[in-house]
Amino acid sequence: MGNAALIVFFAIIGMAVFYSLVAYFLIRMISKKAFKRNLDGFQIIQIIILVAIVFIVIQSIRYESWNMAFSALGLLIPLLSLNVSMRNKKRSN
Protein backbone atom coordinates (compact mmCIF):
# COMPACT_ATOMS: atom_id res chain seq x y z
CA MET A 1 0.00 0.00 0.00
CA GLY A 2 2.89 2.36 0.69
CA ASN A 3 4.33 2.13 -2.82
CA ALA A 4 0.97 2.83 -4.42
CA ALA A 5 0.51 5.94 -2.30
CA LEU A 6 3.97 7.15 -3.27
CA ILE A 7 3.24 6.63 -6.96
CA VAL A 8 -0.05 8.52 -6.64
CA PHE A 9 1.71 11.36 -4.78
CA PHE A 10 4.34 11.77 -7.51
CA ALA A 11 1.68 11.52 -10.21
CA ILE A 12 -0.30 14.36 -8.61
CA ILE A 13 2.82 16.51 -8.18
CA GLY A 14 3.86 15.83 -11.78
CA MET A 15 0.40 16.74 -13.04
CA ALA A 16 0.45 20.01 -11.08
CA VAL A 17 3.89 20.89 -12.47
CA PHE A 18 2.84 20.03 -16.03
CA TYR A 19 -0.33 22.12 -15.91
CA SER A 20 1.52 25.02 -14.28
CA LEU A 21 4.07 25.03 -17.09
CA VAL A 22 1.30 24.90 -19.70
CA ALA A 23 -0.47 27.80 -17.98
CA TYR A 24 2.80 29.74 -17.76
CA PHE A 25 3.48 29.55 -21.49
CA LEU A 26 -0.16 30.10 -22.46
CA ILE A 27 -0.40 33.25 -20.34
CA ARG A 28 2.87 34.53 -21.81
CA MET A 29 1.69 33.84 -25.38
CA ILE A 30 -1.76 35.37 -24.85
CA SER A 31 -0.32 38.52 -23.26
CA LYS A 32 2.07 39.00 -26.19
CA LYS A 33 -0.40 38.27 -29.00
CA ALA A 34 -3.71 39.60 -27.69
CA PHE A 35 -2.69 42.44 -25.40
CA LYS A 36 0.67 43.39 -26.96
CA ARG A 37 2.22 43.38 -23.52
CA ASN A 38 5.24 41.48 -22.26
CA LEU A 39 4.81 40.09 -18.76
CA ASP A 40 7.76 39.03 -16.69
CA GLY A 41 7.88 35.71 -14.88
CA PHE A 42 6.82 37.21 -11.57
CA GLN A 43 3.62 38.66 -13.03
CA ILE A 44 2.74 35.38 -14.75
CA ILE A 45 3.22 33.44 -11.51
CA GLN A 46 0.99 35.98 -9.73
CA ILE A 47 -1.74 35.36 -12.30
CA ILE A 48 -1.45 31.58 -11.88
CA ILE A 49 -1.64 31.88 -8.07
CA LEU A 50 -4.63 34.23 -8.31
CA VAL A 51 -6.50 31.80 -10.57
CA ALA A 52 -5.66 28.92 -8.22
CA ILE A 53 -6.96 30.83 -5.18
CA VAL A 54 -10.17 31.77 -6.99
CA PHE A 55 -10.65 28.11 -7.97
CA ILE A 56 -10.15 26.99 -4.34
CA VAL A 57 -12.65 29.60 -3.12
CA ILE A 58 -15.27 28.54 -5.68
CA GLN A 59 -14.85 24.86 -4.84
CA SER A 60 -14.95 25.46 -1.09
CA ILE A 61 -18.13 27.55 -1.42
CA ARG A 62 -19.62 24.85 -3.62
CA TYR A 63 -18.96 22.17 -0.99
CA GLU A 64 -19.74 24.56 1.89
CA SER A 65 -16.31 24.34 3.45
CA TRP A 66 -16.31 27.83 4.89
CA ASN A 67 -13.03 27.43 6.80
CA MET A 68 -11.20 26.70 3.56
CA ALA A 69 -12.96 29.58 1.76
CA PHE A 70 -12.01 32.13 4.40
CA SER A 71 -8.42 30.85 4.53
CA ALA A 72 -8.07 31.14 0.76
CA LEU A 73 -9.61 34.61 0.79
CA GLY A 74 -7.08 35.54 3.47
CA LEU A 75 -4.32 34.68 0.99
CA LEU A 76 -5.65 37.27 -1.45
CA ILE A 77 -4.81 40.21 0.81
CA PRO A 78 -1.02 39.65 0.83
CA LEU A 79 -1.08 38.81 -2.88
CA LEU A 80 -2.81 42.08 -3.75
CA SER A 81 -0.59 44.14 -1.44
CA LEU A 82 2.47 42.53 -3.02
CA ASN A 83 1.13 43.54 -6.43
CA VAL A 84 0.65 47.14 -5.31
CA SER A 85 4.11 47.34 -3.73
CA MET A 86 5.75 45.91 -6.87
CA ARG A 87 3.88 48.46 -9.00
CA ASN A 88 5.07 51.32 -6.75
CA LYS A 89 8.64 49.98 -6.92
CA LYS A 90 8.55 49.95 -10.73
CA ARG A 91 7.23 53.54 -10.80
CA SER A 92 10.01 54.78 -8.52
CA ASN A 93 12.68 53.24 -10.74
PDB file of N, CA and C in Angstrom:
ATOM      1  N   MET A   1       0.822  -1.205   0.000  1.00  0.00           N
ATOM      2  CA  MET A   1       0.000   0.000   0.000  1.00  0.00           C
ATOM      3  C   MET A   1       0.856   1.254   0.000  1.00  0.00           C
ATOM      4  N   GLY A   2       2.028   1.205   0.608  1.00  0.00           N
ATOM      5  CA  GLY A   2       2.893   2.361   0.690  1.00  0.00           C
ATOM      6  C   GLY A   2       3.443   2.788  -0.659  1.00  0.00           C
ATOM      7  N   ASN A   3       3.795   1.802  -1.507  1.00  0.00           N
ATOM      8  CA  ASN A   3       4.334   2.129  -2.818  1.00  0.00           C
ATOM      9  C   ASN A   3       3.276   2.754  -3.712  1.00  0.00           C
ATOM     10  N   ALA A   4       2.052   2.276  -3.603  1.00  0.00           N
ATOM     11  CA  ALA A   4       0.975   2.829  -4.425  1.00  0.00           C
ATOM     12  C   ALA A   4       0.701   4.274  -4.036  1.00  0.00           C
ATOM     13  N   ALA A   5       0.741   4.569  -2.758  1.00  0.00           N
ATOM     14  CA  ALA A   5       0.509   5.942  -2.303  1.00  0.00           C
ATOM     15  C   ALA A   5       1.619   6.863  -2.781  1.00  0.00           C
ATOM     16  N   LEU A   6       2.841   6.359  -2.809  1.00  0.00           N
ATOM     17  CA  LEU A   6       3.971   7.151  -3.274  1.00  0.00           C
ATOM     18  C   LEU A   6       3.857   7.434  -4.777  1.00  0.00           C
ATOM     19  N   ILE A   7       3.431   6.443  -5.522  1.00  0.00           N
ATOM     20  CA  ILE A   7       3.242   6.633  -6.963  1.00  0.00           C
ATOM     21  C   ILE A   7       2.144   7.655  -7.226  1.00  0.00           C
ATOM     22  N   VAL A   8       1.052   7.562  -6.486  1.00  0.00           N
ATOM     23  CA  VAL A   8      -0.049   8.523  -6.644  1.00  0.00           C
ATOM     24  C   VAL A   8       0.414   9.924  -6.264  1.00  0.00           C
ATOM     25  N   PHE A   9       1.196  10.055  -5.209  1.00  0.00           N
ATOM     26  CA  PHE A   9       1.709  11.355  -4.783  1.00  0.00           C
ATOM     27  C   PHE A   9       2.552  11.994  -5.881  1.00  0.00           C
ATOM     28  N   PHE A  10       3.495  11.220  -6.454  1.00  0.00           N
ATOM     29  CA  PHE A  10       4.338  11.772  -7.505  1.00  0.00           C
ATOM     30  C   PHE A  10       3.549  12.052  -8.779  1.00  0.00           C
ATOM     31  N   ALA A  11       2.515  11.268  -9.035  1.00  0.00           N
ATOM     32  CA  ALA A  11       1.677  11.521 -10.210  1.00  0.00           C
ATOM     33  C   ALA A  11       0.923  12.842 -10.049  1.00  0.00           C
ATOM     34  N   ILE A  12       0.415  13.113  -8.862  1.00  0.00           N
ATOM     35  CA  ILE A  12      -0.304  14.362  -8.612  1.00  0.00           C
ATOM     36  C   ILE A  12       0.644  15.548  -8.689  1.00  0.00           C
ATOM     37  N   ILE A  13       1.832  15.431  -8.112  1.00  0.00           N
ATOM     38  CA  ILE A  13       2.821  16.512  -8.181  1.00  0.00           C
ATOM     39  C   ILE A  13       3.245  16.753  -9.626  1.00  0.00           C
ATOM     40  N   GLY A  14       3.481  15.685 -10.374  1.00  0.00           N
ATOM     41  CA  GLY A  14       3.856  15.828 -11.777  1.00  0.00           C
ATOM     42  C   GLY A  14       2.767  16.487 -12.598  1.00  0.00           C
ATOM     43  N   MET A  15       1.519  16.129 -12.322  1.00  0.00           N
ATOM     44  CA  MET A  15       0.398  16.737 -13.039  1.00  0.00           C
ATOM     45  C   MET A  15       0.306  18.229 -12.724  1.00  0.00           C
ATOM     46  N   ALA A  16       0.497  18.594 -11.467  1.00  0.00           N
ATOM     47  CA  ALA A  16       0.450  20.009 -11.080  1.00  0.00           C
ATOM     48  C   ALA A  16       1.570  20.793 -11.753  1.00  0.00           C
ATOM     49  N   VAL A  17       2.766  20.215 -11.818  1.00  0.00           N
ATOM     50  CA  VAL A  17       3.893  20.892 -12.468  1.00  0.00           C
ATOM     51  C   VAL A  17       3.626  21.039 -13.966  1.00  0.00           C
ATOM     52  N   PHE A  18       3.122  19.987 -14.595  1.00  0.00           N
ATOM     53  CA  PHE A  18       2.844  20.035 -16.026  1.00  0.00           C
ATOM     54  C   PHE A  18       1.819  21.113 -16.360  1.00  0.00           C
ATOM     55  N   TYR A  19       0.703  21.137 -15.627  1.00  0.00           N
ATOM     56  CA  TYR A  19      -0.335  22.123 -15.914  1.00  0.00           C
ATOM     57  C   TYR A  19       0.120  23.536 -15.579  1.00  0.00           C
ATOM     58  N   SER A  20       0.976  23.685 -14.584  1.00  0.00           N
ATOM     59  CA  SER A  20       1.516  25.016 -14.277  1.00  0.00           C
ATOM     60  C   SER A  20       2.418  25.513 -15.406  1.00  0.00           C
ATOM     61  N   LEU A  21       3.221  24.624 -15.966  1.00  0.00           N
ATOM     62  CA  LEU A  21       4.066  25.026 -17.090  1.00  0.00           C
ATOM     63  C   LEU A  21       3.238  25.372 -18.318  1.00  0.00           C
ATOM     64  N   VAL A  22       2.186  24.591 -18.574  1.00  0.00           N
ATOM     65  CA  VAL A  22       1.302  24.899 -19.703  1.00  0.00           C
ATOM     66  C   VAL A  22       0.642  26.260 -19.487  1.00  0.00           C
ATOM     67  N   ALA A  23       0.154  26.513 -18.279  1.00  0.00           N
ATOM     68  CA  ALA A  23      -0.475  27.803 -17.984  1.00  0.00           C
ATOM     69  C   ALA A  23       0.537  28.939 -18.118  1.00  0.00           C
ATOM     70  N   TYR A  24       1.765  28.724 -17.677  1.00  0.00           N
ATOM     71  CA  TYR A  24       2.805  29.743 -17.763  1.00  0.00           C
ATOM     72  C   TYR A  24       3.027  30.186 -19.208  1.00  0.00           C
ATOM     73  N   PHE A  25       3.212  29.209 -20.092  1.00  0.00           N
ATOM     74  CA  PHE A  25       3.484  29.551 -21.485  1.00  0.00           C
ATOM     75  C   PHE A  25       2.237  30.067 -22.207  1.00  0.00           C
ATOM     76  N   LEU A  26       1.066  29.582 -21.845  1.00  0.00           N
ATOM     77  CA  LEU A  26      -0.157  30.103 -22.457  1.00  0.00           C
ATOM     78  C   LEU A  26      -0.412  31.551 -22.059  1.00  0.00           C
ATOM     79  N   ILE A  27      -0.205  31.873 -20.794  1.00  0.00           N
ATOM     80  CA  ILE A  27      -0.398  33.250 -20.342  1.00  0.00           C
ATOM     81  C   ILE A  27       0.605  34.171 -21.018  1.00  0.00           C
ATOM     82  N   ARG A  28       1.847  33.717 -21.151  1.00  0.00           N
ATOM     83  CA  ARG A  28       2.870  34.528 -21.815  1.00  0.00           C
ATOM     84  C   ARG A  28       2.501  34.766 -23.279  1.00  0.00           C
ATOM     85  N   MET A  29       2.040  33.715 -23.968  1.00  0.00           N
ATOM     86  CA  MET A  29       1.693  33.844 -25.377  1.00  0.00           C
ATOM     87  C   MET A  29       0.461  34.736 -25.566  1.00  0.00           C
ATOM     88  N   ILE A  30      -0.547  34.564 -24.732  1.00  0.00           N
ATOM     89  CA  ILE A  30      -1.760  35.372 -24.853  1.00  0.00           C
ATOM     90  C   ILE A  30      -1.464  36.836 -24.565  1.00  0.00           C
ATOM     91  N   SER A  31      -0.625  37.116 -23.560  1.00  0.00           N
ATOM     92  CA  SER A  31      -0.318  38.516 -23.256  1.00  0.00           C
ATOM     93  C   SER A  31       0.454  39.178 -24.389  1.00  0.00           C
ATOM     94  N   LYS A  32       1.313  38.424 -25.068  1.00  0.00           N
ATOM     95  CA  LYS A  32       2.069  39.003 -26.193  1.00  0.00           C
ATOM     96  C   LYS A  32       1.186  39.209 -27.408  1.00  0.00           C
ATOM     97  N   LYS A  33       0.376  38.202 -27.759  1.00  0.00           N
ATOM     98  CA  LYS A  33      -0.402  38.265 -28.998  1.00  0.00           C
ATOM     99  C   LYS A  33      -1.643  39.138 -28.859  1.00  0.00           C
ATOM    100  N   ALA A  34      -2.422  38.922 -27.810  1.00  0.00           N
ATOM    101  CA  ALA A  34      -3.713  39.602 -27.695  1.00  0.00           C
ATOM    102  C   ALA A  34      -3.588  41.006 -27.112  1.00  0.00           C
ATOM    103  N   PHE A  35      -2.746  41.158 -26.092  1.00  0.00           N
ATOM    104  CA  PHE A  35      -2.688  42.436 -25.398  1.00  0.00           C
ATOM    105  C   PHE A  35      -1.456  43.257 -25.736  1.00  0.00           C
ATOM    106  N   LYS A  36      -0.563  42.707 -26.553  1.00  0.00           N
ATOM    107  CA  LYS A  36       0.672  43.394 -26.959  1.00  0.00           C
ATOM    108  C   LYS A  36       1.467  43.882 -25.742  1.00  0.00           C
ATOM    109  N   ARG A  37       1.545  43.015 -24.754  1.00  0.00           N
ATOM    110  CA  ARG A  37       2.223  43.378 -23.516  1.00  0.00           C
ATOM    111  C   ARG A  37       3.103  42.219 -23.072  1.00  0.00           C
ATOM    112  N   ASN A  38       4.333  42.515 -22.746  1.00  0.00           N
ATOM    113  CA  ASN A  38       5.239  41.480 -22.259  1.00  0.00           C
ATOM    114  C   ASN A  38       5.187  41.437 -20.739  1.00  0.00           C
ATOM    115  N   LEU A  39       4.828  40.285 -20.207  1.00  0.00           N
ATOM    116  CA  LEU A  39       4.806  40.093 -18.763  1.00  0.00           C
ATOM    117  C   LEU A  39       6.081  39.384 -18.349  1.00  0.00           C
ATOM    118  N   ASP A  40       6.613  39.763 -17.189  1.00  0.00           N
ATOM    119  CA  ASP A  40       7.763  39.028 -16.695  1.00  0.00           C
ATOM    120  C   ASP A  40       7.284  37.793 -15.929  1.00  0.00           C
ATOM    121  N   GLY A  41       8.224  36.968 -15.540  1.00  0.00           N
ATOM    122  CA  GLY A  41       7.883  35.710 -14.885  1.00  0.00           C
ATOM    123  C   GLY A  41       7.125  35.903 -13.586  1.00  0.00           C
ATOM    124  N   PHE A  42       7.477  36.949 -12.845  1.00  0.00           N
ATOM    125  CA  PHE A  42       6.816  37.214 -11.569  1.00  0.00           C
ATOM    126  C   PHE A  42       5.337  37.531 -11.763  1.00  0.00           C
ATOM    127  N   GLN A  43       5.016  38.314 -12.771  1.00  0.00           N
ATOM    128  CA  GLN A  43       3.616  38.660 -13.029  1.00  0.00           C
ATOM    129  C   GLN A  43       2.823  37.445 -13.495  1.00  0.00           C
ATOM    130  N   ILE A  44       3.435  36.579 -14.283  1.00  0.00           N
ATOM    131  CA  ILE A  44       2.743  35.377 -14.747  1.00  0.00           C
ATOM    132  C   ILE A  44       2.469  34.444 -13.577  1.00  0.00           C
ATOM    133  N   ILE A  45       3.424  34.292 -12.687  1.00  0.00           N
ATOM    134  CA  ILE A  45       3.219  33.444 -11.510  1.00  0.00           C
ATOM    135  C   ILE A  45       2.137  34.030 -10.611  1.00  0.00           C
ATOM    136  N   GLN A  46       2.071  35.350 -10.497  1.00  0.00           N
ATOM    137  CA  GLN A  46       0.992  35.975  -9.729  1.00  0.00           C
ATOM    138  C   GLN A  46      -0.370  35.658 -10.332  1.00  0.00           C
ATOM    139  N   ILE A  47      -0.479  35.675 -11.643  1.00  0.00           N
ATOM    140  CA  ILE A  47      -1.743  35.362 -12.302  1.00  0.00           C
ATOM    141  C   ILE A  47      -2.131  33.914 -12.039  1.00  0.00           C
ATOM    142  N   ILE A  48      -1.165  32.991 -12.131  1.00  0.00           N
ATOM    143  CA  ILE A  48      -1.450  31.581 -11.876  1.00  0.00           C
ATOM    144  C   ILE A  48      -1.913  31.372 -10.442  1.00  0.00           C
ATOM    145  N   ILE A  49      -1.254  32.013  -9.482  1.00  0.00           N
ATOM    146  CA  ILE A  49      -1.644  31.881  -8.075  1.00  0.00           C
ATOM    147  C   ILE A  49      -3.022  32.479  -7.840  1.00  0.00           C
ATOM    148  N   LEU A  50      -3.318  33.616  -8.463  1.00  0.00           N
ATOM    149  CA  LEU A  50      -4.627  34.235  -8.315  1.00  0.00           C
ATOM    150  C   LEU A  50      -5.732  33.324  -8.845  1.00  0.00           C
ATOM    151  N   VAL A  51      -5.510  32.722  -9.998  1.00  0.00           N
ATOM    152  CA  VAL A  51      -6.502  31.803 -10.567  1.00  0.00           C
ATOM    153  C   VAL A  51      -6.673  30.580  -9.669  1.00  0.00           C
ATOM    154  N   ALA A  52      -5.576  30.069  -9.107  1.00  0.00           N
ATOM    155  CA  ALA A  52      -5.663  28.915  -8.218  1.00  0.00           C
ATOM    156  C   ALA A  52      -6.452  29.253  -6.952  1.00  0.00           C
ATOM    157  N   ILE A  53      -6.229  30.429  -6.385  1.00  0.00           N
ATOM    158  CA  ILE A  53      -6.959  30.831  -5.185  1.00  0.00           C
ATOM    159  C   ILE A  53      -8.440  31.008  -5.490  1.00  0.00           C
ATOM    160  N   VAL A  54      -8.765  31.607  -6.616  1.00  0.00           N
ATOM    161  CA  VAL A  54     -10.171  31.768  -6.993  1.00  0.00           C
ATOM    162  C   VAL A  54     -10.825  30.407  -7.179  1.00  0.00           C
ATOM    163  N   PHE A  55     -10.120  29.462  -7.795  1.00  0.00           N
ATOM    164  CA  PHE A  55     -10.653  28.114  -7.967  1.00  0.00           C
ATOM    165  C   PHE A  55     -10.901  27.442  -6.624  1.00  0.00           C
ATOM    166  N   ILE A  56      -9.974  27.588  -5.679  1.00  0.00           N
ATOM    167  CA  ILE A  56     -10.145  26.995  -4.344  1.00  0.00           C
ATOM    168  C   ILE A  56     -11.346  27.613  -3.645  1.00  0.00           C
ATOM    169  N   VAL A  57     -11.518  28.928  -3.753  1.00  0.00           N
ATOM    170  CA  VAL A  57     -12.652  29.597  -3.116  1.00  0.00           C
ATOM    171  C   VAL A  57     -13.965  29.111  -3.715  1.00  0.00           C
ATOM    172  N   ILE A  58     -14.035  29.002  -5.033  1.00  0.00           N
ATOM    173  CA  ILE A  58     -15.267  28.543  -5.678  1.00  0.00           C
ATOM    174  C   ILE A  58     -15.591  27.117  -5.258  1.00  0.00           C
ATOM    175  N   GLN A  59     -14.595  26.244  -5.232  1.00  0.00           N
ATOM    176  CA  GLN A  59     -14.848  24.858  -4.837  1.00  0.00           C
ATOM    177  C   GLN A  59     -15.239  24.745  -3.365  1.00  0.00           C
ATOM    178  N   SER A  60     -14.610  25.542  -2.511  1.00  0.00           N
ATOM    179  CA  SER A  60     -14.953  25.457  -1.089  1.00  0.00           C
ATOM    180  C   SER A  60     -16.338  26.035  -0.814  1.00  0.00           C
ATOM    181  N   ILE A  61     -16.757  27.047  -1.561  1.00  0.00           N
ATOM    182  CA  ILE A  61     -18.125  27.546  -1.420  1.00  0.00           C
ATOM    183  C   ILE A  61     -19.111  26.516  -1.945  1.00  0.00           C
ATOM    184  N   ARG A  62     -18.742  25.871  -3.031  1.00  0.00           N
ATOM    185  CA  ARG A  62     -19.621  24.852  -3.617  1.00  0.00           C
ATOM    186  C   ARG A  62     -19.863  23.706  -2.643  1.00  0.00           C
ATOM    187  N   TYR A  63     -18.829  23.269  -1.931  1.00  0.00           N
ATOM    188  CA  TYR A  63     -18.958  22.173  -0.986  1.00  0.00           C
ATOM    189  C   TYR A  63     -19.191  22.654   0.444  1.00  0.00           C
ATOM    190  N   GLU A  64     -19.433  23.937   0.602  1.00  0.00           N
ATOM    191  CA  GLU A  64     -19.743  24.565   1.893  1.00  0.00           C
ATOM    192  C   GLU A  64     -18.671  24.323   2.945  1.00  0.00           C
ATOM    193  N   SER A  65     -17.438  24.423   2.535  1.00  0.00           N
ATOM    194  CA  SER A  65     -16.310  24.337   3.446  1.00  0.00           C
ATOM    195  C   SER A  65     -15.850  25.770   3.726  1.00  0.00           C
ATOM    196  N   TRP A  66     -16.524  26.404   4.650  1.00  0.00           N
ATOM    197  CA  TRP A  66     -16.312  27.832   4.886  1.00  0.00           C
ATOM    198  C   TRP A  66     -14.933  28.125   5.455  1.00  0.00           C
ATOM    199  N   ASN A  67     -14.376  27.207   6.255  1.00  0.00           N
ATOM    200  CA  ASN A  67     -13.030  27.433   6.798  1.00  0.00           C
ATOM    201  C   ASN A  67     -11.998  27.527   5.683  1.00  0.00           C
ATOM    202  N   MET A  68     -12.131  26.665   4.694  1.00  0.00           N
ATOM    203  CA  MET A  68     -11.200  26.705   3.562  1.00  0.00           C
ATOM    204  C   MET A  68     -11.416  27.965   2.734  1.00  0.00           C
ATOM    205  N   ALA A  69     -12.673  28.388   2.552  1.00  0.00           N
ATOM    206  CA  ALA A  69     -12.957  29.582   1.757  1.00  0.00           C
ATOM    207  C   ALA A  69     -12.367  30.824   2.417  1.00  0.00           C
ATOM    208  N   PHE A  70     -12.541  30.960   3.716  1.00  0.00           N
ATOM    209  CA  PHE A  70     -12.012  32.135   4.397  1.00  0.00           C
ATOM    210  C   PHE A  70     -10.484  32.123   4.431  1.00  0.00           C
ATOM    211  N   SER A  71      -9.885  30.939   4.557  1.00  0.00           N
ATOM    212  CA  SER A  71      -8.418  30.848   4.532  1.00  0.00           C
ATOM    213  C   SER A  71      -7.873  31.258   3.165  1.00  0.00           C
ATOM    214  N   ALA A  72      -8.526  30.784   2.103  1.00  0.00           N
ATOM    215  CA  ALA A  72      -8.072  31.138   0.756  1.00  0.00           C
ATOM    216  C   ALA A  72      -8.284  32.623   0.485  1.00  0.00           C
ATOM    217  N   LEU A  73      -9.395  33.175   0.964  1.00  0.00           N
ATOM    218  CA  LEU A  73      -9.611  34.612   0.793  1.00  0.00           C
ATOM    219  C   LEU A  73      -8.587  35.420   1.575  1.00  0.00           C
ATOM    220  N   GLY A  74      -8.131  34.878   2.698  1.00  0.00           N
ATOM    221  CA  GLY A  74      -7.077  35.540   3.466  1.00  0.00           C
ATOM    222  C   GLY A  74      -5.762  35.586   2.722  1.00  0.00           C
ATOM    223  N   LEU A  75      -5.544  34.656   1.797  1.00  0.00           N
ATOM    224  CA  LEU A  75      -4.324  34.682   0.989  1.00  0.00           C
ATOM    225  C   LEU A  75      -4.364  35.765  -0.081  1.00  0.00           C
ATOM    226  N   LEU A  76      -5.545  36.232  -0.430  1.00  0.00           N
ATOM    227  CA  LEU A  76      -5.654  37.265  -1.453  1.00  0.00           C
ATOM    228  C   LEU A  76      -5.110  38.608  -0.985  1.00  0.00           C
ATOM    229  N   ILE A  77      -5.248  38.915   0.282  1.00  0.00           N
ATOM    230  CA  ILE A  77      -4.813  40.213   0.805  1.00  0.00           C
ATOM    231  C   ILE A  77      -3.296  40.401   0.646  1.00  0.00           C
ATOM    232  N   PRO A  78      -2.446  39.447   1.067  1.00  0.00           N
ATOM    233  CA  PRO A  78      -1.017  39.646   0.831  1.00  0.00           C
ATOM    234  C   PRO A  78      -0.647  39.639  -0.645  1.00  0.00           C
ATOM    235  N   LEU A  79      -1.368  38.851  -1.448  1.00  0.00           N
ATOM    236  CA  LEU A  79      -1.076  38.811  -2.883  1.00  0.00           C
ATOM    237  C   LEU A  79      -1.361  40.157  -3.532  1.00  0.00           C
ATOM    238  N   LEU A  80      -2.473  40.772  -3.186  1.00  0.00           N
ATOM    239  CA  LEU A  80      -2.810  42.080  -3.755  1.00  0.00           C
ATOM    240  C   LEU A  80      -1.885  43.177  -3.243  1.00  0.00           C
ATOM    241  N   SER A  81      -1.510  43.123  -1.963  1.00  0.00           N
ATOM    242  CA  SER A  81      -0.594  44.145  -1.441  1.00  0.00           C
ATOM    243  C   SER A  81       0.799  43.984  -2.046  1.00  0.00           C
ATOM    244  N   LEU A  82       1.198  42.751  -2.336  1.00  0.00           N
ATOM    245  CA  LEU A  82       2.469  42.532  -3.021  1.00  0.00           C
ATOM    246  C   LEU A  82       2.427  43.119  -4.426  1.00  0.00           C
ATOM    247  N   ASN A  83       1.293  42.980  -5.096  1.00  0.00           N
ATOM    248  CA  ASN A  83       1.130  43.536  -6.435  1.00  0.00           C
ATOM    249  C   ASN A  83       1.228  45.057  -6.406  1.00  0.00           C
ATOM    250  N   VAL A  84       0.605  45.683  -5.422  1.00  0.00           N
ATOM    251  CA  VAL A  84       0.648  47.142  -5.306  1.00  0.00           C
ATOM    252  C   VAL A  84       2.064  47.609  -4.989  1.00  0.00           C
ATOM    253  N   SER A  85       2.755  46.915  -4.086  1.00  0.00           N
ATOM    254  CA  SER A  85       4.105  47.340  -3.729  1.00  0.00           C
ATOM    255  C   SER A  85       5.075  47.156  -4.895  1.00  0.00           C
ATOM    256  N   MET A  86       4.896  46.090  -5.697  1.00  0.00           N
ATOM    257  CA  MET A  86       5.752  45.915  -6.871  1.00  0.00           C
ATOM    258  C   MET A  86       5.477  46.995  -7.916  1.00  0.00           C
ATOM    259  N   ARG A  87       4.225  47.394  -8.055  1.00  0.00           N
ATOM    260  CA  ARG A  87       3.879  48.460  -9.001  1.00  0.00           C
ATOM    261  C   ARG A  87       4.503  49.785  -8.563  1.00  0.00           C
ATOM    262  N   ASN A  88       4.455  50.088  -7.261  1.00  0.00           N
ATOM    263  CA  ASN A  88       5.074  51.315  -6.752  1.00  0.00           C
ATOM    264  C   ASN A  88       6.587  51.274  -6.914  1.00  0.00           C
ATOM    265  N   LYS A  89       7.199  50.099  -6.755  1.00  0.00           N
ATOM    266  CA  LYS A  89       8.639  49.981  -6.916  1.00  0.00           C
ATOM    267  C   LYS A  89       9.046  50.220  -8.359  1.00  0.00           C
ATOM    268  N   LYS A  90       8.247  49.720  -9.314  1.00  0.00           N
ATOM    269  CA  LYS A  90       8.551  49.954 -10.730  1.00  0.00           C
ATOM    270  C   LYS A  90       8.406  51.416 -11.100  1.00  0.00           C
ATOM    271  N   ARG A  91       7.422  52.093 -10.507  1.00  0.00           N
ATOM    272  CA  ARG A  91       7.230  53.536 -10.800  1.00  0.00           C
ATOM    273  C   ARG A  91       8.396  54.355 -10.273  1.00  0.00           C
ATOM    274  N   SER A  92       8.918  53.992  -9.110  1.00  0.00           N
ATOM    275  CA  SER A  92      10.008  54.776  -8.524  1.00  0.00           C
ATOM    276  C   SER A  92      11.311  54.589  -9.281  1.00  0.00           C
ATOM    277  N   ASN A  93      11.476  53.458  -9.952  1.00  0.00           N
ATOM    278  CA  ASN A  93      12.681  53.240 -10.740  1.00  0.00           C
ATOM    279  C   ASN A  93      12.502  53.905 -12.059  1.00  0.00           C
TER     280      ASN A  93
END
